[in-house]
Amino acid sequence: MKIAVCDDSKIDRMLSAILIENYYKNKSISCIVETYDSGDSIISDIKNGECYDIIFMDIYIGNELGINVAKKLRTLGYENILIFSTITDEYAVEGYSVKASGYIIKPYSQSGISAVLDGILQYHADEALEVRCRSTVRYIPFKDIFYIESCNNHCIVHTNKEEITVYKKLDDIQLSLIDSSSRFLRCHRSYIVNMDHIVAAEENFLIDNGDIVLIKAKNSAAIIKEYMDYMKAKR
């Protein structure tokens, strides 16, 4: 989990970062918190390819409104979770325009942070693959998964950011991939593919990152039909 806190108050930045880290530590979930003291600084990093699962945005950042910073982030393509921190709910309605997921009323407290993050954690549980890496738990958003490959005694989850090794059987992972869109297709004994990332279907699937995912030859017609039906329903 990678999180940003954007707040012009040094004390509030430090306190919120500590409370967020404590929350995820108690959940045994890996977490990195980066802090920003201005809207321009986080906008610059997002422009340069930085990515966060959650951004905590103060409503007032110096002379700029956090709502306006959030609008710029959305324009740049940031689609993940936005949480506003504020001393008032004056801008609550306007927050819907940037798809805010919630508000935290200052001063920060562990109970306030935990209440908001409990809801976020449930969101991740519903829309992400939970994997254990050593002593911590990670959540990989379903939309970021290209495909999953079985390799001997482990599996590799290929995502838009990295390749993640998971010491589980592919059959077990498949049971964890049930979501409302039914985007995952078991196309081979060694592969599960995210159909949202398929760009061509012939003898095998071509993924939008350029990789090839094998289709089981014996059932190729049925597998390709399932993919075509999914795409038709999606359109």
Protein backbone atom coordinates (compact mmCIF):
# COMPACT_ATOMS: atom_id res chain seq x y z
CA MET A 1 0.00 0.00 0.00
CA LYS A 2 1.49 3.35 -1.03
CA ILE A 3 -0.09 6.46 0.45
CA ALA A 4 0.48 10.22 0.10
CA VAL A 5 -0.41 12.92 2.62
CA CYS A 6 -0.64 16.46 1.24
CA ASP A 7 -0.89 19.08 4.00
CA ASP A 8 0.87 22.41 4.51
CA SER A 9 1.06 21.85 8.28
CA LYS A 10 4.22 19.97 9.25
CA ILE A 11 2.67 18.77 12.51
CA ASP A 12 -0.44 17.45 10.74
CA ARG A 13 1.68 15.73 8.07
CA MET A 14 3.80 13.97 10.67
CA LEU A 15 0.86 13.01 12.89
CA SER A 16 -1.29 11.65 10.05
CA ALA A 17 1.63 9.66 8.64
CA ILE A 18 2.28 8.05 12.05
CA LEU A 19 -1.40 7.18 12.54
CA ILE A 20 -1.69 5.71 9.03
CA GLU A 21 1.46 3.63 9.50
CA ASN A 22 0.19 2.40 12.90
CA TYR A 23 -3.11 1.34 11.34
CA TYR A 24 -1.51 -0.79 8.64
CA LYS A 25 1.13 -2.15 10.99
CA ASN A 26 -1.64 -3.48 13.24
CA LYS A 27 -3.20 -5.12 10.17
CA SER A 28 0.17 -6.64 9.12
CA ILE A 29 -0.12 -4.85 5.77
CA SER A 30 2.93 -3.27 4.16
CA CYS A 31 2.59 0.48 3.86
CA ILE A 32 4.71 3.39 2.61
CA VAL A 33 3.62 6.96 3.43
CA GLU A 34 5.05 9.94 1.53
CA THR A 35 4.28 13.52 2.58
CA TYR A 36 3.87 16.74 0.58
CA ASP A 37 3.63 20.33 1.80
CA SER A 38 2.06 21.79 -1.35
CA GLY A 39 -0.28 20.92 -4.18
CA ASP A 40 2.36 21.75 -6.79
CA SER A 41 4.79 19.18 -5.39
CA ILE A 42 2.38 16.23 -5.52
CA ILE A 43 1.09 17.31 -8.95
CA SER A 44 4.69 17.36 -10.22
CA ASP A 45 5.37 13.84 -8.92
CA ILE A 46 2.15 12.46 -10.41
CA LYS A 47 3.09 14.04 -13.75
CA ASN A 48 6.44 12.24 -13.53
CA GLY A 49 4.80 8.85 -13.06
CA GLU A 50 4.46 8.54 -9.28
CA CYS A 51 1.47 6.46 -8.22
CA TYR A 52 -0.40 6.18 -4.93
CA ASP A 53 -3.19 3.88 -3.77
CA ILE A 54 -4.58 6.61 -1.51
CA ILE A 55 -4.03 10.36 -1.31
CA PHE A 56 -4.99 12.26 1.84
CA MET A 57 -5.57 15.88 0.81
CA ASP A 58 -6.03 18.82 3.16
CA ILE A 59 -8.88 21.11 2.11
CA TYR A 60 -6.67 24.16 2.64
CA ILE A 61 -3.08 23.90 1.33
CA GLY A 62 -1.49 27.29 1.74
CA ASN A 63 -3.40 29.65 -0.54
CA GLU A 64 -4.87 26.84 -2.64
CA LEU A 65 -7.93 24.71 -2.11
CA GLY A 66 -7.34 20.97 -1.92
CA ILE A 67 -10.42 20.49 -4.12
CA ASN A 68 -8.64 22.35 -6.93
CA VAL A 69 -5.48 20.27 -6.46
CA ALA A 70 -7.62 17.13 -6.58
CA LYS A 71 -9.24 18.28 -9.84
CA LYS A 72 -5.79 18.69 -11.39
CA LEU A 73 -4.78 15.22 -10.20
CA ARG A 74 -7.92 13.72 -11.76
CA THR A 75 -7.16 15.56 -15.00
CA LEU A 76 -3.68 14.00 -14.96
CA GLY A 77 -5.25 10.54 -14.75
CA TYR A 78 -5.06 9.79 -11.03
CA GLU A 79 -7.98 7.36 -10.54
CA ASN A 80 -7.32 5.95 -7.09
CA ILE A 81 -8.71 6.93 -3.70
CA LEU A 82 -8.90 10.54 -2.48
CA ILE A 83 -9.57 11.35 1.18
CA PHE A 84 -9.98 14.97 2.31
CA SER A 85 -8.93 16.21 5.74
CA THR A 86 -10.64 19.33 7.04
CA ILE A 87 -11.84 21.25 10.08
CA THR A 88 -15.23 21.74 8.41
CA ASP A 89 -17.51 19.88 6.02
CA GLU A 90 -18.08 23.06 3.99
CA TYR A 91 -16.74 21.46 0.79
CA ALA A 92 -18.30 18.02 1.25
CA VAL A 93 -20.73 18.40 -1.66
CA GLU A 94 -18.03 19.72 -4.01
CA GLY A 95 -15.90 16.72 -3.08
CA TYR A 96 -18.24 14.52 -5.08
CA SER A 97 -17.03 16.26 -8.26
CA VAL A 98 -13.59 14.71 -7.77
CA LYS A 99 -14.97 11.37 -6.55
CA ALA A 100 -13.77 11.78 -2.98
CA SER A 101 -14.08 8.59 -0.95
CA GLY A 102 -14.41 10.28 2.43
CA TYR A 103 -13.48 13.01 4.88
CA ILE A 104 -11.44 13.09 8.08
CA ILE A 105 -12.27 15.86 10.52
CA LYS A 106 -9.24 17.43 12.21
CA PRO A 107 -7.62 17.18 14.67
CA TYR A 108 -6.32 13.78 13.58
CA SER A 109 -6.95 10.82 15.86
CA GLN A 110 -6.27 7.10 15.58
CA SER A 111 -10.00 6.38 15.76
CA GLY A 112 -10.75 8.85 12.95
CA ILE A 113 -8.01 7.50 10.68
CA SER A 114 -8.99 3.91 11.45
CA ALA A 115 -12.67 4.49 10.69
CA VAL A 116 -11.89 5.82 7.21
CA LEU A 117 -9.24 3.22 6.44
CA ASP A 118 -11.50 0.36 7.57
CA GLY A 119 -13.82 1.32 4.73
CA ILE A 120 -10.91 1.57 2.30
CA LEU A 121 -9.62 -1.83 3.40
CA GLN A 122 -13.01 -3.38 2.67
CA TYR A 123 -12.92 -1.79 -0.78
CA HIS A 124 -9.53 -3.35 -1.44
CA ALA A 125 -10.74 -6.71 -0.16
CA ASP A 126 -13.63 -6.60 -2.65
CA GLU A 127 -11.65 -5.27 -5.63
CA ALA A 128 -8.16 -6.64 -5.10
CA LEU A 129 -6.21 -9.86 -4.78
CA GLU A 130 -4.92 -10.39 -1.26
CA VAL A 131 -1.46 -11.95 -1.14
CA ARG A 132 0.94 -12.57 1.72
CA CYS A 133 4.55 -11.59 1.14
CA ARG A 134 6.70 -12.81 4.00
CA SER A 135 5.10 -11.35 7.15
CA THR A 136 2.96 -8.71 5.48
CA VAL A 137 -0.21 -8.65 3.38
CA ARG A 138 -0.52 -6.85 0.07
CA TYR A 139 -3.59 -6.00 -1.97
CA ILE A 140 -3.18 -6.01 -5.76
CA PRO A 141 -6.07 -4.20 -7.49
CA PHE A 142 -7.81 -6.51 -9.96
CA LYS A 143 -7.63 -3.83 -12.65
CA ASP A 144 -3.81 -3.78 -12.41
CA ILE A 145 -3.40 -7.53 -13.00
CA PHE A 146 -2.52 -8.52 -16.58
CA TYR A 147 -2.34 -12.27 -15.99
CA ILE A 148 -1.20 -14.86 -13.46
CA GLU A 149 1.25 -17.59 -14.37
CA SER A 150 1.91 -20.87 -12.58
CA CYS A 151 5.62 -21.75 -12.25
CA ASN A 152 6.45 -24.99 -10.43
CA ASN A 153 5.79 -24.39 -6.71
CA HIS A 154 4.70 -20.77 -7.01
CA CYS A 155 2.78 -18.31 -9.18
CA ILE A 156 3.76 -14.97 -10.70
CA VAL A 157 1.23 -12.15 -10.75
CA HIS A 158 2.06 -9.92 -13.72
CA THR A 159 0.84 -6.35 -13.11
CA ASN A 160 1.22 -2.96 -14.72
CA LYS A 161 3.92 -2.10 -12.17
CA GLU A 162 5.81 -5.27 -11.26
CA GLU A 163 5.89 -9.05 -11.13
CA ILE A 164 4.87 -10.45 -7.74
CA THR A 165 5.75 -13.97 -6.61
CA VAL A 166 3.03 -15.76 -4.66
CA TYR A 167 3.56 -19.14 -3.02
CA LYS A 168 0.09 -20.51 -3.70
CA LYS A 169 -1.39 -22.85 -6.26
CA LEU A 170 -3.09 -21.32 -9.28
CA ASP A 171 -6.31 -23.16 -8.38
CA ASP A 172 -6.34 -21.43 -4.98
CA ILE A 173 -5.65 -18.01 -6.48
CA GLN A 174 -8.47 -18.53 -8.96
CA LEU A 175 -10.92 -18.83 -6.06
CA SER A 176 -9.81 -15.40 -4.84
CA LEU A 177 -10.43 -13.68 -8.19
CA ILE A 178 -14.21 -13.70 -8.11
CA ASP A 179 -15.44 -10.15 -8.76
CA SER A 180 -18.56 -8.47 -10.10
CA SER A 181 -17.18 -8.03 -13.62
CA SER A 182 -16.01 -11.68 -14.07
CA ARG A 183 -12.98 -10.36 -15.91
CA PHE A 184 -10.68 -13.30 -15.13
CA LEU A 185 -10.51 -16.31 -17.44
CA ARG A 186 -8.70 -19.58 -16.81
CA CYS A 187 -7.41 -20.10 -20.33
CA HIS A 188 -4.73 -22.71 -19.65
CA ARG A 189 -3.69 -24.97 -16.79
CA SER A 190 -0.82 -22.54 -16.15
CA TYR A 191 -2.53 -19.20 -16.85
CA ILE A 192 -5.35 -16.97 -15.71
CA VAL A 193 -5.82 -13.85 -17.83
CA ASN A 194 -7.54 -10.54 -17.16
CA MET A 195 -9.74 -10.16 -20.24
CA ASP A 196 -9.73 -6.37 -19.89
CA HIS A 197 -6.06 -6.43 -20.94
CA ILE A 198 -6.43 -8.67 -24.01
CA VAL A 199 -5.90 -6.88 -27.33
CA ALA A 200 -5.99 -9.87 -29.70
CA ALA A 201 -7.23 -13.46 -29.59
CA GLU A 202 -5.94 -15.99 -32.13
CA GLU A 203 -3.98 -19.11 -31.26
CA ASN A 204 -3.07 -17.38 -28.01
CA PHE A 205 -3.97 -14.13 -26.26
CA LEU A 206 -1.95 -10.96 -26.85
CA ILE A 207 -1.88 -8.72 -23.77
CA ASP A 208 -1.67 -4.93 -23.96
CA ASN A 209 1.81 -4.99 -22.40
CA GLY A 210 3.05 -7.11 -25.33
CA ASP A 211 3.12 -10.48 -23.53
CA ILE A 212 1.61 -13.68 -24.91
CA VAL A 213 -0.69 -15.81 -22.74
CA LEU A 214 -1.26 -19.40 -23.84
CA ILE A 215 -4.70 -20.80 -24.64
CA LYS A 216 -5.35 -24.47 -23.96
CA ALA A 217 -5.40 -25.98 -27.45
CA LYS A 218 -8.03 -28.62 -26.66
CA ASN A 219 -10.57 -26.02 -25.50
CA SER A 220 -9.44 -23.04 -27.59
CA ALA A 221 -12.78 -22.49 -29.36
CA ALA A 222 -14.75 -22.42 -26.10
CA ILE A 223 -12.17 -20.20 -24.39
CA ILE A 224 -12.12 -17.65 -27.21
CA LYS A 225 -15.94 -17.68 -27.28
CA GLU A 226 -16.02 -16.93 -23.56
CA TYR A 227 -13.70 -13.98 -24.16
CA MET A 228 -15.79 -12.70 -27.09
CA ASP A 229 -18.98 -13.02 -25.03
CA TYR A 230 -17.35 -11.04 -22.21
CA MET A 231 -16.30 -8.25 -24.57
CA LYS A 232 -19.75 -8.16 -26.18
CA ALA A 233 -21.44 -7.86 -22.79
CA LYS A 234 -18.95 -5.19 -21.73
CA ARG A 235 -19.72 -3.08 -24.83
